[in-house]
PDB file of all heavy atoms in Angstrom:
ATOM      1  N   TYR A   1       1.670 -14.822  21.924  1.00  0.00           N
ATOM      2  CA  TYR A   1       0.586 -13.793  21.727  1.00  0.00           C
ATOM      3  C   TYR A   1       1.276 -12.578  21.146  1.00  0.00           C
ATOM      4  O   TYR A   1       2.284 -12.122  21.610  1.00  0.00           O
ATOM      5  CB  TYR A   1      -0.117 -13.490  23.069  1.00  0.00           C
ATOM      6  CG  TYR A   1      -0.885 -14.583  23.665  1.00  0.00           C
ATOM      7  CD1 TYR A   1      -0.195 -15.466  24.543  1.00  0.00           C
ATOM      8  CD2 TYR A   1      -2.194 -14.781  23.411  1.00  0.00           C
ATOM      9  CE1 TYR A   1      -0.890 -16.569  25.142  1.00  0.00           C
ATOM     10  CE2 TYR A   1      -2.933 -15.845  24.031  1.00  0.00           C
ATOM     11  CZ  TYR A   1      -2.198 -16.722  24.849  1.00  0.00           C
ATOM     12  OH  TYR A   1      -2.887 -17.767  25.426  1.00  0.00           O
ATOM     13  N   THR A   2       0.638 -11.989  20.200  1.00  0.00           N
ATOM     14  CA  THR A   2       1.123 -10.687  19.630  1.00  0.00           C
ATOM     15  C   THR A   2       0.002  -9.610  19.864  1.00  0.00           C
ATOM     16  O   THR A   2      -1.125  -9.931  19.821  1.00  0.00           O
ATOM     17  CB  THR A   2       1.446 -10.787  18.130  1.00  0.00           C
ATOM     18  OG1 THR A   2       0.195 -11.053  17.412  1.00  0.00           O
ATOM     19  CG2 THR A   2       2.371 -11.882  17.807  1.00  0.00           C
ATOM     20  N   VAL A   3       0.507  -8.463  20.186  1.00  0.00           N
ATOM     21  CA  VAL A   3      -0.456  -7.307  20.384  1.00  0.00           C
ATOM     22  C   VAL A   3      -0.126  -6.247  19.372  1.00  0.00           C
ATOM     23  O   VAL A   3       1.003  -5.808  19.169  1.00  0.00           O
ATOM     24  CB  VAL A   3      -0.315  -6.717  21.809  1.00  0.00           C
ATOM     25  CG1 VAL A   3      -1.139  -5.428  21.946  1.00  0.00           C
ATOM     26  CG2 VAL A   3      -0.745  -7.771  22.866  1.00  0.00           C
ATOM     27  N   THR A   4      -1.105  -5.779  18.651  1.00  0.00           N
ATOM     28  CA  THR A   4      -1.016  -4.704  17.656  1.00  0.00           C
ATOM     29  C   THR A   4      -2.089  -3.604  18.000  1.00  0.00           C
ATOM     30  O   THR A   4      -3.276  -3.884  17.876  1.00  0.00           O
ATOM     31  CB  THR A   4      -1.248  -5.197  16.255  1.00  0.00           C
ATOM     32  OG1 THR A   4      -0.421  -6.306  16.040  1.00  0.00           O
ATOM     33  CG2 THR A   4      -0.955  -4.108  15.207  1.00  0.00           C
ATOM     34  N   PHE A   5      -1.564  -2.480  18.445  1.00  0.00           N
ATOM     35  CA  PHE A   5      -2.465  -1.369  18.774  1.00  0.00           C
ATOM     36  C   PHE A   5      -3.071  -0.666  17.523  1.00  0.00           C
ATOM     37  O   PHE A   5      -4.204  -0.173  17.574  1.00  0.00           O
ATOM     38  CB  PHE A   5      -1.797  -0.337  19.691  1.00  0.00           C
ATOM     39  CG  PHE A   5      -1.760  -0.703  21.121  1.00  0.00           C
ATOM     40  CD1 PHE A   5      -0.678  -1.425  21.676  1.00  0.00           C
ATOM     41  CD2 PHE A   5      -2.762  -0.320  21.985  1.00  0.00           C
ATOM     42  CE1 PHE A   5      -0.667  -1.764  23.007  1.00  0.00           C
ATOM     43  CE2 PHE A   5      -2.726  -0.683  23.320  1.00  0.00           C
ATOM     44  CZ  PHE A   5      -1.657  -1.406  23.799  1.00  0.00           C
ATOM     45  N   ASN A   6      -2.289  -0.583  16.545  1.00  0.00           N
ATOM     46  CA  ASN A   6      -2.661   0.210  15.370  1.00  0.00           C
ATOM     47  C   ASN A   6      -2.488  -0.574  14.045  1.00  0.00           C
ATOM     48  O   ASN A   6      -1.692  -0.200  13.201  1.00  0.00           O
ATOM     49  CB  ASN A   6      -1.739   1.488  15.352  1.00  0.00           C
ATOM     50  CG  ASN A   6      -2.416   2.626  14.732  1.00  0.00           C
ATOM     51  OD1 ASN A   6      -3.603   2.672  14.398  1.00  0.00           O
ATOM     52  ND2 ASN A   6      -1.602   3.734  14.454  1.00  0.00           N
ATOM     53  N   PRO A   7      -3.307  -1.590  13.898  1.00  0.00           N
ATOM     54  CA  PRO A   7      -3.226  -2.458  12.650  1.00  0.00           C
ATOM     55  C   PRO A   7      -3.600  -1.621  11.408  1.00  0.00           C
ATOM     56  O   PRO A   7      -4.260  -0.540  11.520  1.00  0.00           O
ATOM     57  CB  PRO A   7      -4.100  -3.615  12.906  1.00  0.00           C
ATOM     58  CG  PRO A   7      -5.164  -3.044  13.822  1.00  0.00           C
ATOM     59  CD  PRO A   7      -4.409  -2.100  14.715  1.00  0.00           C
ATOM     60  N   SER A   8      -3.357  -2.180  10.260  1.00  0.00           N
ATOM     61  CA  SER A   8      -3.703  -1.428   9.026  1.00  0.00           C
ATOM     62  C   SER A   8      -4.059  -2.465   7.891  1.00  0.00           C
ATOM     63  O   SER A   8      -3.779  -3.609   7.992  1.00  0.00           O
ATOM     64  CB  SER A   8      -2.462  -0.622   8.644  1.00  0.00           C
ATOM     65  OG  SER A   8      -1.395  -1.520   8.306  1.00  0.00           O
ATOM     66  N   LEU A   9      -4.678  -1.877   6.905  1.00  0.00           N
ATOM     67  CA  LEU A   9      -4.809  -2.600   5.657  1.00  0.00           C
ATOM     68  C   LEU A   9      -3.762  -1.949   4.730  1.00  0.00           C
ATOM     69  O   LEU A   9      -3.823  -0.767   4.440  1.00  0.00           O
ATOM     70  CB  LEU A   9      -6.231  -2.391   5.095  1.00  0.00           C
ATOM     71  CG  LEU A   9      -6.596  -3.169   3.842  1.00  0.00           C
ATOM     72  CD1 LEU A   9      -6.549  -4.652   4.100  1.00  0.00           C
ATOM     73  CD2 LEU A   9      -7.975  -2.795   3.365  1.00  0.00           C
ATOM     74  N   ASP A  10      -2.742  -2.747   4.404  1.00  0.00           N
ATOM     75  CA  ASP A  10      -1.627  -2.232   3.576  1.00  0.00           C
ATOM     76  C   ASP A  10      -1.997  -2.395   2.080  1.00  0.00           C
ATOM     77  O   ASP A  10      -2.182  -3.539   1.614  1.00  0.00           O
ATOM     78  CB  ASP A  10      -0.354  -2.977   3.915  1.00  0.00           C
ATOM     79  CG  ASP A  10       0.250  -2.495   5.244  1.00  0.00           C
ATOM     80  OD1 ASP A  10      -0.356  -1.585   5.840  1.00  0.00           O
ATOM     81  OD2 ASP A  10       1.182  -3.139   5.685  1.00  0.00           O
ATOM     82  N   TYR A  11      -1.986  -1.283   1.405  1.00  0.00           N
ATOM     83  CA  TYR A  11      -2.302  -1.221  -0.034  1.00  0.00           C
ATOM     84  C   TYR A  11      -0.983  -0.935  -0.770  1.00  0.00           C
ATOM     85  O   TYR A  11      -0.456   0.081  -0.684  1.00  0.00           O
ATOM     86  CB  TYR A  11      -3.341  -0.139  -0.314  1.00  0.00           C
ATOM     87  CG  TYR A  11      -3.692   0.031  -1.777  1.00  0.00           C
ATOM     88  CD1 TYR A  11      -4.025  -1.136  -2.565  1.00  0.00           C
ATOM     89  CD2 TYR A  11      -3.859   1.298  -2.344  1.00  0.00           C
ATOM     90  CE1 TYR A  11      -4.422  -0.952  -3.828  1.00  0.00           C
ATOM     91  CE2 TYR A  11      -4.209   1.403  -3.664  1.00  0.00           C
ATOM     92  CZ  TYR A  11      -4.547   0.300  -4.473  1.00  0.00           C
ATOM     93  OH  TYR A  11      -4.913   0.452  -5.752  1.00  0.00           O
ATOM     94  N   ILE A  12      -0.385  -2.033  -1.304  1.00  0.00           N
ATOM     95  CA  ILE A  12       0.924  -1.925  -1.894  1.00  0.00           C
ATOM     96  C   ILE A  12       0.734  -1.937  -3.411  1.00  0.00           C
ATOM     97  O   ILE A  12       0.193  -2.772  -4.051  1.00  0.00           O
ATOM     98  CB  ILE A  12       1.726  -3.212  -1.549  1.00  0.00           C
ATOM     99  CG1 ILE A  12       1.844  -3.254   0.028  1.00  0.00           C
ATOM    100  CG2 ILE A  12       3.146  -3.093  -2.164  1.00  0.00           C
ATOM    101  CD1 ILE A  12       2.439  -4.565   0.501  1.00  0.00           C
ATOM    102  N   VAL A  13       1.261  -0.810  -4.024  1.00  0.00           N
ATOM    103  CA  VAL A  13       1.040  -0.578  -5.491  1.00  0.00           C
ATOM    104  C   VAL A  13       2.348  -0.333  -6.161  1.00  0.00           C
ATOM    105  O   VAL A  13       3.336   0.197  -5.594  1.00  0.00           O
ATOM    106  CB  VAL A  13       0.081   0.634  -5.730  1.00  0.00           C
ATOM    107  CG1 VAL A  13      -1.266   0.321  -5.176  1.00  0.00           C
ATOM    108  CG2 VAL A  13       0.668   1.919  -5.150  1.00  0.00           C
ATOM    109  N   ASP A  14       2.451  -0.812  -7.394  1.00  0.00           N
ATOM    110  CA  ASP A  14       3.596  -0.513  -8.261  1.00  0.00           C
ATOM    111  C   ASP A  14       3.112   0.481  -9.314  1.00  0.00           C
ATOM    112  O   ASP A  14       2.186   0.203 -10.077  1.00  0.00           O
ATOM    113  CB  ASP A  14       3.991  -1.834  -8.952  1.00  0.00           C
ATOM    114  CG  ASP A  14       5.199  -1.647  -9.933  1.00  0.00           C
ATOM    115  OD1 ASP A  14       5.742  -0.553  -9.903  1.00  0.00           O
ATOM    116  OD2 ASP A  14       5.503  -2.578 -10.655  1.00  0.00           O
ATOM    117  N   VAL A  15       3.668   1.644  -9.370  1.00  0.00           N
ATOM    118  CA  VAL A  15       3.308   2.735 -10.239  1.00  0.00           C
ATOM    119  C   VAL A  15       4.556   3.064 -11.061  1.00  0.00           C
ATOM    120  O   VAL A  15       5.487   3.611 -10.526  1.00  0.00           O
ATOM    121  CB  VAL A  15       2.807   3.910  -9.489  1.00  0.00           C
ATOM    122  CG1 VAL A  15       2.364   5.045 -10.493  1.00  0.00           C
ATOM    123  CG2 VAL A  15       1.620   3.613  -8.597  1.00  0.00           C
ATOM    124  N   LYS A  16       4.527   2.714 -12.313  1.00  0.00           N
ATOM    125  CA  LYS A  16       5.672   2.986 -13.221  1.00  0.00           C
ATOM    126  C   LYS A  16       5.728   4.440 -13.519  1.00  0.00           C
ATOM    127  O   LYS A  16       4.767   5.048 -13.896  1.00  0.00           O
ATOM    128  CB  LYS A  16       5.560   2.168 -14.556  1.00  0.00           C
ATOM    129  CG  LYS A  16       5.349   0.679 -14.328  1.00  0.00           C
ATOM    130  CD  LYS A  16       6.509   0.055 -13.628  1.00  0.00           C
ATOM    131  CE  LYS A  16       6.397  -1.497 -13.546  1.00  0.00           C
ATOM    132  NZ  LYS A  16       7.499  -2.178 -12.812  1.00  0.00           N
ATOM    133  N   GLY A  17       6.902   5.084 -13.376  1.00  0.00           N
ATOM    134  CA  GLY A  17       7.094   6.482 -13.721  1.00  0.00           C
ATOM    135  C   GLY A  17       6.139   7.390 -12.967  1.00  0.00           C
ATOM    136  O   GLY A  17       5.619   8.305 -13.461  1.00  0.00           O
ATOM    137  N   PHE A  18       6.041   7.158 -11.675  1.00  0.00           N
ATOM    138  CA  PHE A  18       5.236   7.999 -10.801  1.00  0.00           C
ATOM    139  C   PHE A  18       5.586   9.478 -10.934  1.00  0.00           C
ATOM    140  O   PHE A  18       6.744   9.906 -10.923  1.00  0.00           O
ATOM    141  CB  PHE A  18       5.380   7.571  -9.333  1.00  0.00           C
ATOM    142  CG  PHE A  18       4.601   8.443  -8.369  1.00  0.00           C
ATOM    143  CD1 PHE A  18       3.213   8.119  -8.202  1.00  0.00           C
ATOM    144  CD2 PHE A  18       5.164   9.467  -7.704  1.00  0.00           C
ATOM    145  CE1 PHE A  18       2.505   8.984  -7.288  1.00  0.00           C
ATOM    146  CE2 PHE A  18       4.418  10.275  -6.806  1.00  0.00           C
ATOM    147  CZ  PHE A  18       3.058  10.006  -6.622  1.00  0.00           C
ATOM    148  N   ALA A  19       4.506  10.314 -11.169  1.00  0.00           N
ATOM    149  CA  ALA A  19       4.752  11.704 -11.392  1.00  0.00           C
ATOM    150  C   ALA A  19       3.863  12.522 -10.461  1.00  0.00           C
ATOM    151  O   ALA A  19       2.650  12.314 -10.451  1.00  0.00           O
ATOM    152  CB  ALA A  19       4.496  12.142 -12.857  1.00  0.00           C
ATOM    153  N   LEU A  20       4.406  13.491  -9.675  1.00  0.00           N
ATOM    154  CA  LEU A  20       3.575  14.320  -8.825  1.00  0.00           C
ATOM    155  C   LEU A  20       2.722  15.256  -9.673  1.00  0.00           C
ATOM    156  O   LEU A  20       3.093  15.761 -10.778  1.00  0.00           O
ATOM    157  CB  LEU A  20       4.503  15.217  -7.999  1.00  0.00           C
ATOM    158  CG  LEU A  20       5.314  14.510  -6.913  1.00  0.00           C
ATOM    159  CD1 LEU A  20       6.267  15.428  -6.264  1.00  0.00           C
ATOM    160  CD2 LEU A  20       4.291  13.968  -5.826  1.00  0.00           C
ATOM    161  N   GLY A  21       1.493  15.483  -9.186  1.00  0.00           N
ATOM    162  CA  GLY A  21       0.578  16.409  -9.918  1.00  0.00           C
ATOM    163  C   GLY A  21      -0.096  15.807 -11.097  1.00  0.00           C
ATOM    164  O   GLY A  21      -0.834  16.474 -11.904  1.00  0.00           O
ATOM    165  N   MET A  22       0.042  14.504 -11.357  1.00  0.00           N
ATOM    166  CA  MET A  22      -0.481  13.821 -12.527  1.00  0.00           C
ATOM    167  C   MET A  22      -1.324  12.713 -12.062  1.00  0.00           C
ATOM    168  O   MET A  22      -1.178  12.161 -10.921  1.00  0.00           O
ATOM    169  CB  MET A  22       0.616  13.356 -13.478  1.00  0.00           C
ATOM    170  CG  MET A  22       1.593  14.418 -13.912  1.00  0.00           C
ATOM    171  SD  MET A  22       0.781  15.631 -15.009  1.00  0.00           S
ATOM    172  CE  MET A  22       0.548  14.640 -16.479  1.00  0.00           C
ATOM    173  N   THR A  23      -2.143  12.157 -12.965  1.00  0.00           N
ATOM    174  CA  THR A  23      -2.924  10.944 -12.716  1.00  0.00           C
ATOM    175  C   THR A  23      -1.973   9.760 -12.961  1.00  0.00           C
ATOM    176  O   THR A  23      -1.453   9.607 -14.056  1.00  0.00           O
ATOM    177  CB  THR A  23      -4.179  10.824 -13.606  1.00  0.00           C
ATOM    178  OG1 THR A  23      -5.082  11.915 -13.371  1.00  0.00           O
ATOM    179  CG2 THR A  23      -4.888   9.519 -13.360  1.00  0.00           C
ATOM    180  N   ASN A  24      -1.788   8.994 -11.923  1.00  0.00           N
ATOM    181  CA  ASN A  24      -0.903   7.823 -12.030  1.00  0.00           C
ATOM    182  C   ASN A  24      -1.737   6.518 -11.949  1.00  0.00           C
ATOM    183  O   ASN A  24      -2.722   6.474 -11.132  1.00  0.00           O
ATOM    184  CB  ASN A  24       0.151   7.759 -10.932  1.00  0.00           C
ATOM    185  CG  ASN A  24       1.053   8.994 -10.946  1.00  0.00           C
ATOM    186  OD1 ASN A  24       2.086   8.853 -11.632  1.00  0.00           O
ATOM    187  ND2 ASN A  24       0.732  10.059 -10.315  1.00  0.00           N
ATOM    188  N   ARG A  25      -1.344   5.526 -12.696  1.00  0.00           N
ATOM    189  CA  ARG A  25      -2.191   4.263 -12.696  1.00  0.00           C
ATOM    190  C   ARG A  25      -1.256   3.143 -12.236  1.00  0.00           C
ATOM    191  O   ARG A  25      -0.025   3.093 -12.550  1.00  0.00           O
ATOM    192  CB  ARG A  25      -2.750   3.926 -14.069  1.00  0.00           C
ATOM    193  CG  ARG A  25      -3.652   5.052 -14.557  1.00  0.00           C
ATOM    194  CD  ARG A  25      -4.464   4.666 -15.809  1.00  0.00           C
ATOM    195  NE  ARG A  25      -5.243   5.802 -16.307  1.00  0.00           N
ATOM    196  CZ  ARG A  25      -6.421   6.136 -15.792  1.00  0.00           C
ATOM    197  NH1 ARG A  25      -6.951   5.478 -14.810  1.00  0.00           N
ATOM    198  NH2 ARG A  25      -7.038   7.230 -16.332  1.00  0.00           N
ATOM    199  N   THR A  26      -1.814   2.172 -11.481  1.00  0.00           N
ATOM    200  CA  THR A  26      -1.046   1.098 -10.987  1.00  0.00           C
ATOM    201  C   THR A  26      -0.724   0.052 -12.032  1.00  0.00           C
ATOM    202  O   THR A  26      -1.636  -0.279 -12.892  1.00  0.00           O
ATOM    203  CB  THR A  26      -1.727   0.401  -9.801  1.00  0.00           C
ATOM    204  OG1 THR A  26      -2.958  -0.084 -10.235  1.00  0.00           O
ATOM    205  CG2 THR A  26      -2.040   1.465  -8.680  1.00  0.00           C
ATOM    206  N   ALA A  27       0.456  -0.504 -11.972  1.00  0.00           N
ATOM    207  CA  ALA A  27       0.801  -1.685 -12.811  1.00  0.00           C
ATOM    208  C   ALA A  27       0.466  -2.960 -12.086  1.00  0.00           C
ATOM    209  O   ALA A  27       0.251  -4.017 -12.785  1.00  0.00           O
ATOM    210  CB  ALA A  27       2.311  -1.598 -13.145  1.00  0.00           C
ATOM    211  N   SER A  28       0.531  -2.952 -10.788  1.00  0.00           N
ATOM    212  CA  SER A  28       0.110  -4.056  -9.959  1.00  0.00           C
ATOM    213  C   SER A  28      -0.287  -3.579  -8.586  1.00  0.00           C
ATOM    214  O   SER A  28       0.086  -2.458  -8.219  1.00  0.00           O
ATOM    215  CB  SER A  28       1.273  -5.067  -9.833  1.00  0.00           C
ATOM    216  OG  SER A  28       2.372  -4.540  -9.112  1.00  0.00           O
ATOM    217  N   GLU A  29      -1.077  -4.404  -7.856  1.00  0.00           N
ATOM    218  CA  GLU A  29      -1.466  -3.929  -6.528  1.00  0.00           C
ATOM    219  C   GLU A  29      -1.778  -5.141  -5.683  1.00  0.00           C
ATOM    220  O   GLU A  29      -2.201  -6.186  -6.181  1.00  0.00           O
ATOM    221  CB  GLU A  29      -2.690  -2.999  -6.591  1.00  0.00           C
ATOM    222  CG  GLU A  29      -3.881  -3.572  -7.365  1.00  0.00           C
ATOM    223  CD  GLU A  29      -4.939  -2.466  -7.636  1.00  0.00           C
ATOM    224  OE1 GLU A  29      -4.675  -1.321  -7.533  1.00  0.00           O
ATOM    225  OE2 GLU A  29      -6.089  -2.891  -7.858  1.00  0.00           O
ATOM    226  N   MET A  30      -1.543  -4.994  -4.378  1.00  0.00           N
ATOM    227  CA  MET A  30      -1.834  -6.025  -3.371  1.00  0.00           C
ATOM    228  C   MET A  30      -2.379  -5.425  -2.153  1.00  0.00           C
ATOM    229  O   MET A  30      -2.116  -4.292  -1.873  1.00  0.00           O
ATOM    230  CB  MET A  30      -0.548  -6.888  -3.077  1.00  0.00           C
ATOM    231  CG  MET A  30       0.061  -7.623  -4.217  1.00  0.00           C
ATOM    232  SD  MET A  30       1.595  -8.467  -3.824  1.00  0.00           S
ATOM    233  CE  MET A  30       2.686  -7.080  -3.509  1.00  0.00           C
ATOM    234  N   MET A  31      -3.160  -6.213  -1.457  1.00  0.00           N
ATOM    235  CA  MET A  31      -3.676  -5.748  -0.104  1.00  0.00           C
ATOM    236  C   MET A  31      -3.384  -6.823   0.932  1.00  0.00           C
ATOM    237  O   MET A  31      -3.673  -8.000   0.746  1.00  0.00           O
ATOM    238  CB  MET A  31      -5.205  -5.518  -0.196  1.00  0.00           C
ATOM    239  CG  MET A  31      -5.571  -4.217  -0.745  1.00  0.00           C
ATOM    240  SD  MET A  31      -7.305  -3.846  -0.422  1.00  0.00           S
ATOM    241  CE  MET A  31      -7.451  -2.206  -1.299  1.00  0.00           C
ATOM    242  N   PHE A  32      -2.884  -6.385   2.103  1.00  0.00           N
ATOM    243  CA  PHE A  32      -2.489  -7.268   3.110  1.00  0.00           C
ATOM    244  C   PHE A  32      -2.929  -6.673   4.506  1.00  0.00           C
ATOM    245  O   PHE A  32      -2.880  -5.420   4.660  1.00  0.00           O
ATOM    246  CB  PHE A  32      -0.975  -7.494   3.176  1.00  0.00           C
ATOM    247  CG  PHE A  32      -0.379  -8.096   2.005  1.00  0.00           C
ATOM    248  CD1 PHE A  32       0.569  -7.409   1.292  1.00  0.00           C
ATOM    249  CD2 PHE A  32      -0.771  -9.403   1.560  1.00  0.00           C
ATOM    250  CE1 PHE A  32       1.113  -7.883   0.139  1.00  0.00           C
ATOM    251  CE2 PHE A  32      -0.180  -9.956   0.473  1.00  0.00           C
ATOM    252  CZ  PHE A  32       0.744  -9.235  -0.329  1.00  0.00           C
ATOM    253  N   PRO A  33      -3.240  -7.492   5.444  1.00  0.00           N
ATOM    254  CA  PRO A  33      -3.387  -7.014   6.838  1.00  0.00           C
ATOM    255  C   PRO A  33      -2.005  -6.618   7.296  1.00  0.00           C
ATOM    256  O   PRO A  33      -1.030  -7.398   7.204  1.00  0.00           O
ATOM    257  CB  PRO A  33      -3.990  -8.173   7.601  1.00  0.00           C
ATOM    258  CG  PRO A  33      -3.588  -9.410   6.798  1.00  0.00           C
ATOM    259  CD  PRO A  33      -3.507  -8.955   5.405  1.00  0.00           C
ATOM    260  N   GLY A  34      -1.874  -5.475   7.891  1.00  0.00           N
ATOM    261  CA  GLY A  34      -0.579  -4.932   8.311  1.00  0.00           C
ATOM    262  C   GLY A  34      -0.547  -4.586   9.748  1.00  0.00           C
ATOM    263  O   GLY A  34      -1.565  -4.506  10.426  1.00  0.00           O
ATOM    264  N   GLY A  35       0.612  -4.231  10.192  1.00  0.00           N
ATOM    265  CA  GLY A  35       0.867  -3.922  11.622  1.00  0.00           C
ATOM    266  C   GLY A  35       1.835  -5.020  12.095  1.00  0.00           C
ATOM    267  O   GLY A  35       1.751  -6.178  11.788  1.00  0.00           O
ATOM    268  N   LYS A  36       2.861  -4.560  12.896  1.00  0.00           N
ATOM    269  CA  LYS A  36       3.980  -5.399  13.193  1.00  0.00           C
ATOM    270  C   LYS A  36       3.579  -6.757  13.939  1.00  0.00           C
ATOM    271  O   LYS A  36       4.039  -7.829  13.640  1.00  0.00           O
ATOM    272  CB  LYS A  36       5.018  -4.722  13.971  1.00  0.00           C
ATOM    273  CG  LYS A  36       5.591  -3.478  13.212  1.00  0.00           C
ATOM    274  CD  LYS A  36       6.631  -2.738  14.008  1.00  0.00           C
ATOM    275  CE  LYS A  36       8.004  -3.438  14.055  1.00  0.00           C
ATOM    276  NZ  LYS A  36       8.629  -3.570  12.754  1.00  0.00           N
TER     277      LYS A  36
END
C-alpha cells in the first residue's frame, strides 16, 4: 500500500530558450499523476 497526502498533476514542459518576462511557448508537454 502506498500513501500520498499531497498528490499532484505534473505538467512537464520543454521550453526552448526560456526567457523571464517574455511569452514562452512549449516545444513539448506531458501530464502525469504525481506524488511519491
